[in-house]
Amino acid sequence: TVVVTAGDEEWSPDGVDVVRADPGEPRPA
C-alpha cells in the first residue's frame, strides 16, 4: 500500500502511496 524510498530516487510505482525519506531524518517519512 505504501513504498518508502530515498528523496533523490525517481522510481514511482503505480497504485501505491510513495513516501520519500531524507537520509539524515528518516523519522518524518
PDB file of all heavy atoms in Angstrom:
ATOM      1  N   THR A   1       0.810  -1.218   0.000  1.00  0.00           N
ATOM      2  CA  THR A   1       0.000   0.000   0.000  1.00  0.00           C
ATOM      3  C   THR A   1       0.844   1.268   0.000  1.00  0.00           C
ATOM      4  O   THR A   1       0.394   2.320  -0.441  1.00  0.00           O
ATOM      5  CB  THR A   1      -0.921   0.036   1.233  1.00  0.00           C
ATOM      6  OG1 THR A   1      -0.127  -0.136   2.416  1.00  0.00           O
ATOM      7  CG2 THR A   1      -1.971  -1.062   1.160  1.00  0.00           C
ATOM      8  N   VAL A   2       2.068   1.180   0.519  1.00  0.00           N
ATOM      9  CA  VAL A   2       2.928   2.352   0.559  1.00  0.00           C
ATOM     10  C   VAL A   2       4.378   1.920   0.392  1.00  0.00           C
ATOM     11  O   VAL A   2       4.800   0.885   0.925  1.00  0.00           O
ATOM     12  CB  VAL A   2       2.740   3.137   1.885  1.00  0.00           C
ATOM     13  CG1 VAL A   2       2.997   2.251   3.091  1.00  0.00           C
ATOM     14  CG2 VAL A   2       3.624   4.372   1.935  1.00  0.00           C
ATOM     15  N   VAL A   3       5.122   2.691  -0.386  1.00  0.00           N
ATOM     16  CA  VAL A   3       6.529   2.420  -0.649  1.00  0.00           C
ATOM     17  C   VAL A   3       7.367   3.555  -0.090  1.00  0.00           C
ATOM     18  O   VAL A   3       7.051   4.740  -0.285  1.00  0.00           O
ATOM     19  CB  VAL A   3       6.800   2.282  -2.165  1.00  0.00           C
ATOM     20  CG1 VAL A   3       8.303   2.220  -2.446  1.00  0.00           C
ATOM     21  CG2 VAL A   3       6.111   1.041  -2.708  1.00  0.00           C
ATOM     22  N   VAL A   4       8.435   3.205   0.616  1.00  0.00           N
ATOM     23  CA  VAL A   4       9.368   4.201   1.139  1.00  0.00           C
ATOM     24  C   VAL A   4      10.649   4.114   0.324  1.00  0.00           C
ATOM     25  O   VAL A   4      11.233   3.038   0.173  1.00  0.00           O
ATOM     26  CB  VAL A   4       9.690   3.965   2.621  1.00  0.00           C
ATOM     27  CG1 VAL A   4      10.526   5.120   3.165  1.00  0.00           C
ATOM     28  CG2 VAL A   4       8.425   3.802   3.436  1.00  0.00           C
ATOM     29  N   THR A   5      11.079   5.245  -0.213  1.00  0.00           N
ATOM     30  CA  THR A   5      12.305   5.289  -0.997  1.00  0.00           C
ATOM     31  C   THR A   5      13.045   6.578  -0.669  1.00  0.00           C
ATOM     32  O   THR A   5      12.570   7.388   0.143  1.00  0.00           O
ATOM     33  CB  THR A   5      11.993   5.188  -2.504  1.00  0.00           C
ATOM     34  OG1 THR A   5      13.204   5.053  -3.233  1.00  0.00           O
ATOM     35  CG2 THR A   5      11.235   6.407  -2.997  1.00  0.00           C
ATOM     36  N   ALA A   6      14.208   6.779  -1.251  1.00  0.00           N
ATOM     37  CA  ALA A   6      15.007   7.972  -0.966  1.00  0.00           C
ATOM     38  C   ALA A   6      14.479   9.167  -1.766  1.00  0.00           C
ATOM     39  O   ALA A   6      13.868   9.009  -2.826  1.00  0.00           O
ATOM     40  CB  ALA A   6      16.474   7.721  -1.300  1.00  0.00           C
ATOM     41  N   GLY A   7      14.741  10.350  -1.238  1.00  0.00           N
ATOM     42  CA  GLY A   7      14.232  11.550  -1.870  1.00  0.00           C
ATOM     43  C   GLY A   7      14.752  11.791  -3.268  1.00  0.00           C
ATOM     44  O   GLY A   7      14.073  12.408  -4.090  1.00  0.00           O
ATOM     45  N   ASP A   8      15.955  11.314  -3.578  1.00  0.00           N
ATOM     46  CA  ASP A   8      16.541  11.572  -4.898  1.00  0.00           C
ATOM     47  C   ASP A   8      16.358  10.402  -5.864  1.00  0.00           C
ATOM     48  O   ASP A   8      16.924  10.411  -6.965  1.00  0.00           O
ATOM     49  CB  ASP A   8      18.026  11.910  -4.760  1.00  0.00           C
ATOM     50  CG  ASP A   8      18.831  10.810  -4.073  1.00  0.00           C
ATOM     51  OD1 ASP A   8      18.211   9.793  -3.654  1.00  0.00           O
ATOM     52  OD2 ASP A   8      20.061  10.966  -3.953  1.00  0.00           O
ATOM     53  N   GLU A   9      15.589   9.388  -5.474  1.00  0.00           N
ATOM     54  CA  GLU A   9      15.312   8.272  -6.369  1.00  0.00           C
ATOM     55  C   GLU A   9      13.985   8.518  -7.088  1.00  0.00           C
ATOM     56  O   GLU A   9      12.974   8.819  -6.462  1.00  0.00           O
ATOM     57  CB  GLU A   9      15.280   6.957  -5.576  1.00  0.00           C
ATOM     58  CG  GLU A   9      16.660   6.577  -5.066  1.00  0.00           C
ATOM     59  CD  GLU A   9      16.663   5.353  -4.169  1.00  0.00           C
ATOM     60  OE1 GLU A   9      15.802   5.294  -3.272  1.00  0.00           O
ATOM     61  OE2 GLU A   9      17.533   4.479  -4.356  1.00  0.00           O
ATOM     62  N   GLU A  10      13.993   8.390  -8.403  1.00  0.00           N
ATOM     63  CA  GLU A  10      12.849   8.806  -9.211  1.00  0.00           C
ATOM     64  C   GLU A  10      11.777   7.730  -9.352  1.00  0.00           C
ATOM     65  O   GLU A  10      10.717   7.974  -9.916  1.00  0.00           O
ATOM     66  CB  GLU A  10      13.332   9.228 -10.600  1.00  0.00           C
ATOM     67  CG  GLU A  10      14.276  10.434 -10.560  1.00  0.00           C
ATOM     68  CD  GLU A  10      14.714  10.857 -11.938  1.00  0.00           C
ATOM     69  OE1 GLU A  10      14.320  10.183 -12.926  1.00  0.00           O
ATOM     70  OE2 GLU A  10      15.451  11.862 -12.038  1.00  0.00           O
ATOM     71  N   TRP A  11      12.011   6.554  -8.837  1.00  0.00           N
ATOM     72  CA  TRP A  11      11.061   5.452  -9.000  1.00  0.00           C
ATOM     73  C   TRP A  11       9.733   5.784  -8.327  1.00  0.00           C
ATOM     74  O   TRP A  11       9.687   6.124  -7.145  1.00  0.00           O
ATOM     75  CB  TRP A  11      11.654   4.177  -8.403  1.00  0.00           C
ATOM     76  CG  TRP A  11      10.814   2.948  -8.623  1.00  0.00           C
ATOM     77  CD1 TRP A  11      10.264   2.529  -9.800  1.00  0.00           C
ATOM     78  CD2 TRP A  11      10.435   1.996  -7.624  1.00  0.00           C
ATOM     79  NE1 TRP A  11       9.564   1.354  -9.603  1.00  0.00           N
ATOM     80  CE2 TRP A  11       9.661   1.006  -8.279  1.00  0.00           C
ATOM     81  CE3 TRP A  11      10.678   1.867  -6.270  1.00  0.00           C
ATOM     82  CZ2 TRP A  11       9.132  -0.093  -7.617  1.00  0.00           C
ATOM     83  CZ3 TRP A  11      10.150   0.787  -5.597  1.00  0.00           C
ATOM     84  CH2 TRP A  11       9.387  -0.193  -6.270  1.00  0.00           C
ATOM     85  N   SER A  12       8.633   5.707  -9.075  1.00  0.00           N
ATOM     86  CA  SER A  12       7.296   5.987  -8.537  1.00  0.00           C
ATOM     87  C   SER A  12       6.315   4.931  -9.032  1.00  0.00           C
ATOM     88  O   SER A  12       5.656   5.118 -10.062  1.00  0.00           O
ATOM     89  CB  SER A  12       6.822   7.387  -8.968  1.00  0.00           C
ATOM     90  OG  SER A  12       7.627   8.398  -8.416  1.00  0.00           O
ATOM     91  N   PRO A  13       6.228   3.813  -8.359  1.00  0.00           N
ATOM     92  CA  PRO A  13       5.326   2.742  -8.800  1.00  0.00           C
ATOM     93  C   PRO A  13       3.865   3.179  -8.744  1.00  0.00           C
ATOM     94  O   PRO A  13       3.473   3.975  -7.891  1.00  0.00           O
ATOM     95  CB  PRO A  13       5.613   1.614  -7.804  1.00  0.00           C
ATOM     96  CG  PRO A  13       6.158   2.303  -6.598  1.00  0.00           C
ATOM     97  CD  PRO A  13       6.925   3.478  -7.104  1.00  0.00           C
ATOM     98  N   ASP A  14       3.066   2.649  -9.678  1.00  0.00           N
ATOM     99  CA  ASP A  14       1.647   2.984  -9.743  1.00  0.00           C
ATOM    100  C   ASP A  14       0.854   2.221  -8.686  1.00  0.00           C
ATOM    101  O   ASP A  14       1.227   1.115  -8.291  1.00  0.00           O
ATOM    102  CB  ASP A  14       1.088   2.651 -11.135  1.00  0.00           C
ATOM    103  CG  ASP A  14       1.721   3.502 -12.228  1.00  0.00           C
ATOM    104  OD1 ASP A  14       2.096   4.651 -11.920  1.00  0.00           O
ATOM    105  OD2 ASP A  14       1.833   3.011 -13.376  1.00  0.00           O
ATOM    106  N   GLY A  15      -0.245   2.819  -8.254  1.00  0.00           N
ATOM    107  CA  GLY A  15      -1.193   2.118  -7.391  1.00  0.00           C
ATOM    108  C   GLY A  15      -0.869   2.114  -5.921  1.00  0.00           C
ATOM    109  O   GLY A  15      -1.593   1.485  -5.133  1.00  0.00           O
ATOM    110  N   VAL A  16       0.204   2.779  -5.522  1.00  0.00           N
ATOM    111  CA  VAL A  16       0.557   2.835  -4.103  1.00  0.00           C
ATOM    112  C   VAL A  16       0.994   4.253  -3.757  1.00  0.00           C
ATOM    113  O   VAL A  16       1.390   5.032  -4.623  1.00  0.00           O
ATOM    114  CB  VAL A  16       1.701   1.855  -3.743  1.00  0.00           C
ATOM    115  CG1 VAL A  16       1.279   0.415  -3.958  1.00  0.00           C
ATOM    116  CG2 VAL A  16       2.963   2.179  -4.537  1.00  0.00           C
ATOM    117  N   ASP A  17       0.932   4.584  -2.465  1.00  0.00           N
ATOM    118  CA  ASP A  17       1.498   5.849  -1.998  1.00  0.00           C
ATOM    119  C   ASP A  17       3.011   5.725  -1.933  1.00  0.00           C
ATOM    120  O   ASP A  17       3.541   4.665  -1.557  1.00  0.00           O
ATOM    121  CB  ASP A  17       0.963   6.188  -0.606  1.00  0.00           C
ATOM    122  CG  ASP A  17      -0.501   6.565  -0.616  1.00  0.00           C
ATOM    123  OD1 ASP A  17      -0.852   7.566  -1.253  1.00  0.00           O
ATOM    124  OD2 ASP A  17      -1.292   5.824   0.011  1.00  0.00           O
ATOM    125  N   VAL A  18       3.703   6.794  -2.319  1.00  0.00           N
ATOM    126  CA  VAL A  18       5.167   6.804  -2.274  1.00  0.00           C
ATOM    127  C   VAL A  18       5.618   7.878  -1.284  1.00  0.00           C
ATOM    128  O   VAL A  18       5.218   9.039  -1.396  1.00  0.00           O
ATOM    129  CB  VAL A  18       5.775   7.081  -3.658  1.00  0.00           C
ATOM    130  CG1 VAL A  18       7.301   7.139  -3.556  1.00  0.00           C
ATOM    131  CG2 VAL A  18       5.346   6.012  -4.655  1.00  0.00           C
ATOM    132  N   VAL A  19       6.412   7.480  -0.310  1.00  0.00           N
ATOM    133  CA  VAL A  19       6.956   8.397   0.683  1.00  0.00           C
ATOM    134  C   VAL A  19       8.461   8.445   0.515  1.00  0.00           C
ATOM    135  O   VAL A  19       9.117   7.401   0.469  1.00  0.00           O
ATOM    136  CB  VAL A  19       6.595   7.934   2.115  1.00  0.00           C
ATOM    137  CG1 VAL A  19       7.261   8.834   3.148  1.00  0.00           C
ATOM    138  CG2 VAL A  19       5.088   7.917   2.299  1.00  0.00           C
ATOM    139  N   ARG A  20       8.995   9.644   0.404  1.00  0.00           N
ATOM    140  CA  ARG A  20      10.440   9.797   0.178  1.00  0.00           C
ATOM    141  C   ARG A  20      11.119  10.256   1.462  1.00  0.00           C
ATOM    142  O   ARG A  20      10.693  11.215   2.096  1.00  0.00           O
ATOM    143  CB  ARG A  20      10.687  10.777  -0.966  1.00  0.00           C
ATOM    144  CG  ARG A  20       9.981  10.323  -2.251  1.00  0.00           C
ATOM    145  CD  ARG A  20      10.427  11.069  -3.477  1.00  0.00           C
ATOM    146  NE  ARG A  20       9.658  10.614  -4.631  1.00  0.00           N
ATOM    147  CZ  ARG A  20       9.957   9.532  -5.350  1.00  0.00           C
ATOM    148  NH1 ARG A  20      11.012   8.803  -5.024  1.00  0.00           N
ATOM    149  NH2 ARG A  20       9.207   9.179  -6.374  1.00  0.00           N
ATOM    150  N   ALA A  21      12.167   9.543   1.820  1.00  0.00           N
ATOM    151  CA  ALA A  21      12.840   9.763   3.101  1.00  0.00           C
ATOM    152  C   ALA A  21      14.153  10.509   2.922  1.00  0.00           C
ATOM    153  O   ALA A  21      14.870  10.303   1.941  1.00  0.00           O
ATOM    154  CB  ALA A  21      13.092   8.430   3.801  1.00  0.00           C
ATOM    155  N   ASP A  22      14.446  11.349   3.889  1.00  0.00           N
ATOM    156  CA  ASP A  22      15.717  12.065   3.960  1.00  0.00           C
ATOM    157  C   ASP A  22      16.712  11.165   4.698  1.00  0.00           C
ATOM    158  O   ASP A  22      16.405  10.663   5.780  1.00  0.00           O
ATOM    159  CB  ASP A  22      15.510  13.367   4.733  1.00  0.00           C
ATOM    160  CG  ASP A  22      16.753  14.239   4.776  1.00  0.00           C
ATOM    161  OD1 ASP A  22      17.858  13.694   4.865  1.00  0.00           O
ATOM    162  OD2 ASP A  22      16.612  15.474   4.739  1.00  0.00           O
ATOM    163  N   PRO A  23      17.917  10.959   4.159  1.00  0.00           N
ATOM    164  CA  PRO A  23      18.873  10.075   4.838  1.00  0.00           C
ATOM    165  C   PRO A  23      19.241  10.529   6.246  1.00  0.00           C
ATOM    166  O   PRO A  23      19.519   9.708   7.115  1.00  0.00           O
ATOM    167  CB  PRO A  23      20.097  10.092   3.915  1.00  0.00           C
ATOM    168  CG  PRO A  23      19.918  11.270   3.025  1.00  0.00           C
ATOM    169  CD  PRO A  23      18.448  11.469   2.879  1.00  0.00           C
ATOM    170  N   GLY A  24      19.222  11.838   6.483  1.00  0.00           N
ATOM    171  CA  GLY A  24      19.574  12.323   7.810  1.00  0.00           C
ATOM    172  C   GLY A  24      18.416  12.371   8.775  1.00  0.00           C
ATOM    173  O   GLY A  24      18.613  12.450   9.989  1.00  0.00           O
ATOM    174  N   GLU A  25      17.176  12.327   8.265  1.00  0.00           N
ATOM    175  CA  GLU A  25      15.980  12.431   9.101  1.00  0.00           C
ATOM    176  C   GLU A  25      14.927  11.441   8.628  1.00  0.00           C
ATOM    177  O   GLU A  25      13.940  11.830   7.984  1.00  0.00           O
ATOM    178  CB  GLU A  25      15.412  13.864   9.043  1.00  0.00           C
ATOM    179  CG  GLU A  25      16.166  14.871   9.879  1.00  0.00           C
ATOM    180  CD  GLU A  25      15.943  14.658  11.364  1.00  0.00           C
ATOM    181  OE1 GLU A  25      14.907  14.056  11.724  1.00  0.00           O
ATOM    182  OE2 GLU A  25      16.784  15.076  12.158  1.00  0.00           O
ATOM    183  N   PRO A  26      15.089  10.154   8.926  1.00  0.00           N
ATOM    184  CA  PRO A  26      14.121   9.172   8.441  1.00  0.00           C
ATOM    185  C   PRO A  26      12.775   9.218   9.163  1.00  0.00           C
ATOM    186  O   PRO A  26      11.766   8.766   8.627  1.00  0.00           O
ATOM    187  CB  PRO A  26      14.819   7.839   8.705  1.00  0.00           C
ATOM    188  CG  PRO A  26      15.714   8.115   9.869  1.00  0.00           C
ATOM    189  CD  PRO A  26      16.193   9.528   9.680  1.00  0.00           C
ATOM    190  N   ARG A  27      12.739   9.771  10.379  1.00  0.00           N
ATOM    191  CA  ARG A  27      11.527   9.677  11.177  1.00  0.00           C
ATOM    192  C   ARG A  27      10.304  10.352  10.555  1.00  0.00           C
ATOM    193  O   ARG A  27       9.201   9.797  10.584  1.00  0.00           O
ATOM    194  CB  ARG A  27      11.755  10.241  12.574  1.00  0.00           C
ATOM    195  CG  ARG A  27      10.892   9.541  13.623  1.00  0.00           C
ATOM    196  CD  ARG A  27      10.717  10.344  14.870  1.00  0.00           C
ATOM    197  NE  ARG A  27       9.715  11.372  14.672  1.00  0.00           N
ATOM    198  CZ  ARG A  27       9.678  12.508  15.346  1.00  0.00           C
ATOM    199  NH1 ARG A  27      10.591  12.766  16.245  1.00  0.00           N
ATOM    200  NH2 ARG A  27       8.743  13.395  15.124  1.00  0.00           N
ATOM    201  N   PRO A  28      10.432  11.574   9.974  1.00  0.00           N
ATOM    202  CA  PRO A  28       9.242  12.180   9.359  1.00  0.00           C
ATOM    203  C   PRO A  28       8.613  11.299   8.284  1.00  0.00           C
ATOM    204  O   PRO A  28       7.386  11.250   8.159  1.00  0.00           O
ATOM    205  CB  PRO A  28       9.782  13.495   8.770  1.00  0.00           C
ATOM    206  CG  PRO A  28      10.942  13.834   9.641  1.00  0.00           C
ATOM    207  CD  PRO A  28      11.576  12.513   9.971  1.00  0.00           C
ATOM    208  N   ALA A  29       9.434  10.598   7.517  1.00  0.00           N
ATOM    209  CA  ALA A  29       8.902   9.703   6.493  1.00  0.00           C
ATOM    210  C   ALA A  29       8.141   8.550   7.130  1.00  0.00           C
ATOM    211  O   ALA A  29       7.059   8.162   6.667  1.00  0.00           O
ATOM    212  CB  ALA A  29      10.033   9.174   5.611  1.00  0.00           C
TER     213      ALA A  29
END
